[in-house]
N, C-alpha and C. Protein backbone atom coordinates (compact mmCIF):
# COMPACT_ATOMS: atom_id res chain seq x y z
N MET A 1 -32.52 -63.49 15.97
CA MET A 1 -32.20 -63.22 17.34
C MET A 1 -32.85 -64.30 18.21
N SER A 2 -32.06 -64.96 19.01
CA SER A 2 -32.62 -66.01 19.86
C SER A 2 -33.08 -65.42 21.18
N GLU A 3 -34.17 -65.96 21.66
CA GLU A 3 -34.70 -65.50 22.94
C GLU A 3 -34.15 -66.40 24.03
N LYS A 4 -33.45 -65.79 24.96
CA LYS A 4 -32.84 -66.53 26.03
C LYS A 4 -33.71 -66.39 27.28
N LYS A 5 -34.12 -67.51 27.85
CA LYS A 5 -34.94 -67.48 29.05
C LYS A 5 -34.06 -67.14 30.25
N ILE A 6 -34.54 -66.20 31.06
CA ILE A 6 -33.80 -65.79 32.24
C ILE A 6 -34.29 -66.60 33.42
N THR A 7 -33.37 -67.21 34.12
CA THR A 7 -33.71 -67.97 35.32
C THR A 7 -33.04 -67.29 36.51
N TYR A 8 -33.84 -66.91 37.48
CA TYR A 8 -33.32 -66.28 38.68
C TYR A 8 -33.09 -67.36 39.73
N VAL A 9 -31.88 -67.40 40.24
CA VAL A 9 -31.51 -68.45 41.16
C VAL A 9 -31.68 -68.02 42.61
N LYS A 10 -31.20 -66.83 42.94
CA LYS A 10 -31.25 -66.38 44.32
C LYS A 10 -32.07 -65.10 44.42
N ALA A 11 -33.02 -65.10 45.31
CA ALA A 11 -33.81 -63.91 45.58
C ALA A 11 -33.70 -63.61 47.07
N PRO A 12 -33.73 -62.33 47.43
CA PRO A 12 -33.69 -62.02 48.86
C PRO A 12 -34.85 -62.71 49.59
N LEU A 13 -34.59 -63.17 50.80
CA LEU A 13 -35.59 -63.93 51.55
C LEU A 13 -36.87 -63.14 51.80
N ASP A 14 -36.77 -61.83 52.05
CA ASP A 14 -37.98 -61.06 52.33
C ASP A 14 -38.89 -60.99 51.12
N ILE A 15 -38.32 -60.99 49.93
CA ILE A 15 -39.14 -60.98 48.71
C ILE A 15 -39.79 -62.34 48.52
N ALA A 16 -39.03 -63.39 48.68
CA ALA A 16 -39.56 -64.74 48.50
C ALA A 16 -40.68 -65.01 49.50
N LYS A 17 -40.53 -64.58 50.75
CA LYS A 17 -41.56 -64.79 51.76
C LYS A 17 -42.82 -64.00 51.43
N SER A 18 -42.65 -62.78 50.92
CA SER A 18 -43.82 -61.96 50.62
C SER A 18 -44.67 -62.56 49.50
N PHE A 19 -44.03 -63.22 48.54
CA PHE A 19 -44.80 -63.85 47.47
C PHE A 19 -45.58 -65.05 47.98
N LYS A 20 -45.01 -65.77 48.91
CA LYS A 20 -45.70 -66.95 49.45
C LYS A 20 -46.92 -66.55 50.28
N SER A 21 -46.83 -65.42 50.98
CA SER A 21 -47.93 -65.01 51.84
C SER A 21 -48.87 -64.00 51.17
N ALA A 22 -48.64 -63.72 49.89
CA ALA A 22 -49.45 -62.73 49.19
C ALA A 22 -50.89 -63.23 49.04
N LYS A 23 -51.84 -62.31 49.20
CA LYS A 23 -53.25 -62.64 49.05
C LYS A 23 -53.79 -61.98 47.79
N ARG A 24 -54.66 -62.68 47.14
CA ARG A 24 -55.31 -62.12 45.95
C ARG A 24 -56.40 -61.17 46.41
N ILE A 25 -56.43 -59.98 45.82
CA ILE A 25 -57.47 -59.02 46.17
C ILE A 25 -58.59 -59.09 45.14
N SER A 26 -59.77 -58.74 45.56
CA SER A 26 -60.90 -58.78 44.64
C SER A 26 -60.77 -57.65 43.62
N ASP A 27 -61.40 -57.83 42.48
CA ASP A 27 -61.34 -56.85 41.41
C ASP A 27 -62.10 -55.60 41.83
N PHE A 28 -61.43 -54.47 41.88
CA PHE A 28 -62.05 -53.23 42.32
C PHE A 28 -62.28 -52.26 41.18
N LEU A 29 -61.85 -52.63 39.99
CA LEU A 29 -62.03 -51.74 38.83
C LEU A 29 -63.41 -51.94 38.22
N PRO A 30 -64.00 -50.85 37.71
CA PRO A 30 -65.32 -51.00 37.07
C PRO A 30 -65.17 -51.72 35.73
N PRO A 31 -66.23 -52.34 35.25
CA PRO A 31 -66.16 -52.99 33.94
C PRO A 31 -65.96 -51.94 32.84
N PRO A 32 -65.40 -52.35 31.70
CA PRO A 32 -65.09 -51.39 30.62
C PRO A 32 -66.26 -50.53 30.18
N GLU A 33 -67.47 -51.08 30.17
CA GLU A 33 -68.61 -50.28 29.70
C GLU A 33 -68.92 -49.11 30.63
N GLU A 34 -68.50 -49.20 31.89
CA GLU A 34 -68.70 -48.08 32.81
C GLU A 34 -67.62 -47.02 32.64
N LEU A 35 -66.52 -47.38 32.05
CA LEU A 35 -65.43 -46.43 31.87
C LEU A 35 -65.67 -45.48 30.70
N ILE A 36 -66.46 -45.89 29.73
CA ILE A 36 -66.64 -45.06 28.55
C ILE A 36 -67.82 -44.12 28.64
N LEU A 37 -68.63 -44.26 29.68
CA LEU A 37 -69.77 -43.36 29.83
C LEU A 37 -69.30 -41.96 30.17
N LYS A 38 -69.87 -41.00 29.52
CA LYS A 38 -69.54 -39.61 29.80
C LYS A 38 -70.79 -38.89 30.25
N GLU A 39 -70.59 -37.97 31.16
CA GLU A 39 -71.71 -37.15 31.59
C GLU A 39 -72.04 -36.17 30.48
N PRO A 40 -73.34 -35.88 30.29
CA PRO A 40 -73.68 -34.88 29.29
C PRO A 40 -73.12 -33.52 29.70
N LYS A 41 -72.64 -32.79 28.73
CA LYS A 41 -72.04 -31.49 29.01
C LYS A 41 -73.02 -30.38 28.63
N VAL A 42 -72.91 -29.28 29.34
CA VAL A 42 -73.73 -28.11 29.08
C VAL A 42 -72.80 -26.99 28.64
N LYS A 43 -73.09 -26.39 27.50
CA LYS A 43 -72.26 -25.29 27.00
C LYS A 43 -72.54 -24.03 27.80
N VAL A 44 -71.47 -23.34 28.21
CA VAL A 44 -71.60 -22.08 28.92
C VAL A 44 -70.58 -21.09 28.37
N THR A 45 -70.84 -19.85 28.60
CA THR A 45 -69.89 -18.80 28.26
C THR A 45 -69.35 -18.26 29.57
N ILE A 46 -68.03 -18.13 29.65
CA ILE A 46 -67.41 -17.69 30.89
C ILE A 46 -66.28 -16.72 30.55
N ALA A 47 -66.14 -15.71 31.34
CA ALA A 47 -65.05 -14.75 31.16
C ALA A 47 -64.01 -15.03 32.25
N LEU A 48 -62.78 -15.32 31.83
CA LEU A 48 -61.69 -15.60 32.76
C LEU A 48 -60.63 -14.54 32.62
N SER A 49 -59.81 -14.42 33.65
CA SER A 49 -58.71 -13.46 33.56
C SER A 49 -57.68 -13.97 32.56
N GLY A 50 -56.97 -13.04 31.98
CA GLY A 50 -55.92 -13.40 31.03
C GLY A 50 -54.86 -14.26 31.67
N ARG A 51 -54.59 -14.00 32.94
CA ARG A 51 -53.59 -14.78 33.68
C ARG A 51 -54.02 -16.24 33.79
N SER A 52 -55.30 -16.47 34.08
CA SER A 52 -55.80 -17.85 34.20
C SER A 52 -55.71 -18.58 32.87
N VAL A 53 -56.15 -17.93 31.81
CA VAL A 53 -56.12 -18.56 30.49
C VAL A 53 -54.68 -18.85 30.08
N ALA A 54 -53.77 -17.90 30.31
CA ALA A 54 -52.36 -18.11 29.96
C ALA A 54 -51.79 -19.30 30.74
N PHE A 55 -52.15 -19.41 32.02
CA PHE A 55 -51.69 -20.52 32.85
C PHE A 55 -52.12 -21.86 32.25
N PHE A 56 -53.41 -21.97 31.94
CA PHE A 56 -53.92 -23.24 31.41
C PHE A 56 -53.38 -23.53 30.02
N LYS A 57 -53.21 -22.52 29.19
CA LYS A 57 -52.65 -22.73 27.85
C LYS A 57 -51.21 -23.24 27.94
N LYS A 58 -50.45 -22.66 28.84
CA LYS A 58 -49.04 -23.05 29.03
C LYS A 58 -48.96 -24.52 29.46
N HIS A 59 -49.76 -24.89 30.45
CA HIS A 59 -49.69 -26.26 30.96
C HIS A 59 -50.35 -27.26 30.00
N ALA A 60 -51.32 -26.81 29.25
CA ALA A 60 -51.94 -27.69 28.27
C ALA A 60 -50.94 -28.02 27.17
N GLU A 61 -50.18 -27.04 26.75
CA GLU A 61 -49.18 -27.27 25.70
C GLU A 61 -48.12 -28.25 26.19
N LYS A 62 -47.68 -28.08 27.43
CA LYS A 62 -46.67 -28.99 28.01
C LYS A 62 -47.18 -30.42 28.06
N ASN A 63 -48.49 -30.59 28.30
CA ASN A 63 -49.07 -31.91 28.47
C ASN A 63 -49.82 -32.41 27.24
N ASP A 64 -49.66 -31.70 26.13
CA ASP A 64 -50.26 -32.09 24.86
C ASP A 64 -51.76 -32.34 24.99
N THR A 65 -52.45 -31.35 25.53
CA THR A 65 -53.90 -31.43 25.66
C THR A 65 -54.50 -30.06 25.39
N LYS A 66 -55.80 -29.94 25.52
CA LYS A 66 -56.48 -28.67 25.30
C LYS A 66 -56.67 -27.95 26.62
N TYR A 67 -56.52 -26.64 26.62
CA TYR A 67 -56.65 -25.89 27.86
C TYR A 67 -58.09 -25.89 28.37
N GLN A 68 -59.06 -25.95 27.45
CA GLN A 68 -60.46 -26.00 27.88
C GLN A 68 -60.74 -27.28 28.66
N THR A 69 -60.12 -28.38 28.23
CA THR A 69 -60.29 -29.65 28.91
C THR A 69 -59.74 -29.57 30.33
N MET A 70 -58.62 -28.89 30.49
CA MET A 70 -58.04 -28.75 31.82
C MET A 70 -58.94 -27.92 32.73
N ILE A 71 -59.48 -26.84 32.19
CA ILE A 71 -60.39 -26.00 32.98
C ILE A 71 -61.63 -26.79 33.37
N TYR A 72 -62.17 -27.54 32.42
CA TYR A 72 -63.33 -28.39 32.69
C TYR A 72 -63.03 -29.36 33.83
N GLU A 73 -61.85 -29.99 33.77
CA GLU A 73 -61.48 -30.99 34.77
C GLU A 73 -61.36 -30.36 36.16
N VAL A 74 -60.77 -29.17 36.24
CA VAL A 74 -60.64 -28.48 37.52
C VAL A 74 -62.03 -28.20 38.11
N LEU A 75 -62.91 -27.66 37.29
CA LEU A 75 -64.26 -27.34 37.77
C LEU A 75 -65.03 -28.59 38.16
N ASP A 76 -64.89 -29.64 37.37
CA ASP A 76 -65.60 -30.89 37.65
C ASP A 76 -65.12 -31.52 38.96
N ARG A 77 -63.81 -31.52 39.18
CA ARG A 77 -63.28 -32.08 40.43
C ARG A 77 -63.71 -31.26 41.63
N TYR A 78 -63.73 -29.95 41.47
CA TYR A 78 -64.19 -29.07 42.55
C TYR A 78 -65.64 -29.39 42.91
N ALA A 79 -66.48 -29.52 41.88
CA ALA A 79 -67.90 -29.80 42.11
C ALA A 79 -68.09 -31.15 42.77
N ARG A 80 -67.33 -32.18 42.32
CA ARG A 80 -67.43 -33.49 42.93
C ARG A 80 -66.99 -33.47 44.39
N ASN A 81 -65.93 -32.74 44.67
CA ASN A 81 -65.40 -32.69 46.02
C ASN A 81 -66.34 -31.99 46.99
N TYR A 82 -66.94 -30.89 46.54
CA TYR A 82 -67.80 -30.12 47.43
C TYR A 82 -69.29 -30.32 47.18
N GLY A 83 -69.61 -31.17 46.21
CA GLY A 83 -71.01 -31.40 45.88
C GLY A 83 -71.61 -32.36 46.83
């Protein structure tokens, strides 16, 4: 299979102008070593309503994840937001 190079001849003027005036932004992402750090977790026992557990199990299955992870994420975001 041959690879054919695509050459674009005409581009809308507003797109062409935006590329010429585009500015490079500084890197705002953290370095990879900061992305892999995890906060230490504390094991707790909690009693939830059957409705809550069913909700998280249903959505966890749809998203191919664990329901406990989803509950953890909700609590963690709540704490970060109001902490």
